[in-house]
Amino acid sequence: MMATKKEKAENAFYIKDLREHSRELFGVKPEVFDGALFHVHKMSITKSEAKKLISQFLQKEVK
């Protein structure tokens, strides 16, 4: 018998709400959150998407 793996869809949250709680959720200041999501033009995003963007932003080399 083969088990199927179902992925649960992750909830999306308004970016402004994630920004308000950026310290608790991601351990970064709201200013860092703003920089990481500067080019995101959606109204809402999942926590994992935001975390990935923040991580990429923090790892960018400063020129």
Protein backbone atom coordinates (compact mmCIF):
# COMPACT_ATOMS: atom_id res chain seq x y z
CA MET A 1 0.00 0.00 0.00
CA MET A 2 1.43 3.32 -1.04
CA ALA A 3 0.99 6.35 1.17
CA THR A 4 0.49 9.70 -0.49
CA LYS A 5 2.13 12.74 0.98
CA LYS A 6 -0.17 15.74 1.16
CA GLU A 7 1.40 19.11 1.65
CA LYS A 8 -0.61 21.47 3.77
CA ALA A 9 -0.90 24.88 2.16
CA GLU A 10 0.85 27.47 4.27
CA ASN A 11 -1.17 30.48 5.37
CA ALA A 12 -0.34 33.84 3.84
CA PHE A 13 -0.22 36.94 6.01
CA TYR A 14 -0.39 40.62 5.17
CA ILE A 15 3.11 42.03 4.83
CA LYS A 16 2.26 44.92 7.17
CA ASP A 17 1.30 42.44 9.90
CA LEU A 18 4.51 40.45 9.46
CA ARG A 19 6.47 43.72 9.60
CA GLU A 20 4.83 44.69 12.90
CA HIS A 21 6.03 41.41 14.42
CA SER A 22 9.32 41.05 12.54
CA ARG A 23 11.39 40.97 15.74
CA GLU A 24 9.38 38.11 17.25
CA LEU A 25 8.94 36.12 14.04
CA PHE A 26 12.27 36.58 12.27
CA GLY A 27 14.60 38.19 14.82
CA VAL A 28 15.18 41.30 12.68
CA LYS A 29 14.28 44.97 12.96
CA PRO A 30 11.41 46.29 10.82
CA GLU A 31 13.98 48.22 8.75
CA VAL A 32 15.72 44.98 7.76
CA PHE A 33 12.34 43.44 6.94
CA ASP A 34 11.56 46.44 4.71
CA GLY A 35 14.85 46.08 2.85
CA ALA A 36 14.40 42.36 2.32
CA LEU A 37 10.88 42.72 0.95
CA PHE A 38 11.43 45.97 -0.95
CA HIS A 39 10.77 44.40 -4.37
CA VAL A 40 7.77 42.31 -3.28
CA HIS A 41 4.62 43.82 -4.74
CA LYS A 42 2.11 41.41 -3.25
CA MET A 43 -0.19 42.28 -0.36
CA SER A 44 0.44 39.01 1.47
CA ILE A 45 3.21 36.44 1.78
CA THR A 46 3.86 33.26 3.74
CA LYS A 47 6.21 33.22 6.72
CA SER A 48 8.59 30.82 4.98
CA GLU A 49 8.76 33.05 1.88
CA ALA A 50 9.51 36.07 4.07
CA LYS A 51 12.14 34.15 6.04
CA LYS A 52 13.84 33.07 2.80
CA LEU A 53 13.90 36.64 1.45
CA ILE A 54 15.28 37.99 4.73
CA SER A 55 18.00 35.34 4.76
CA GLN A 56 18.99 36.16 1.17
CA PHE A 57 19.01 39.88 1.97
CA LEU A 58 21.26 39.43 4.99
CA GLN A 59 23.72 37.31 3.03
CA LYS A 60 24.14 39.80 0.17
CA GLU A 61 27.60 41.25 -0.22
CA VAL A 62 27.83 44.98 0.35
CA LYS A 63 29.71 46.75 -2.43
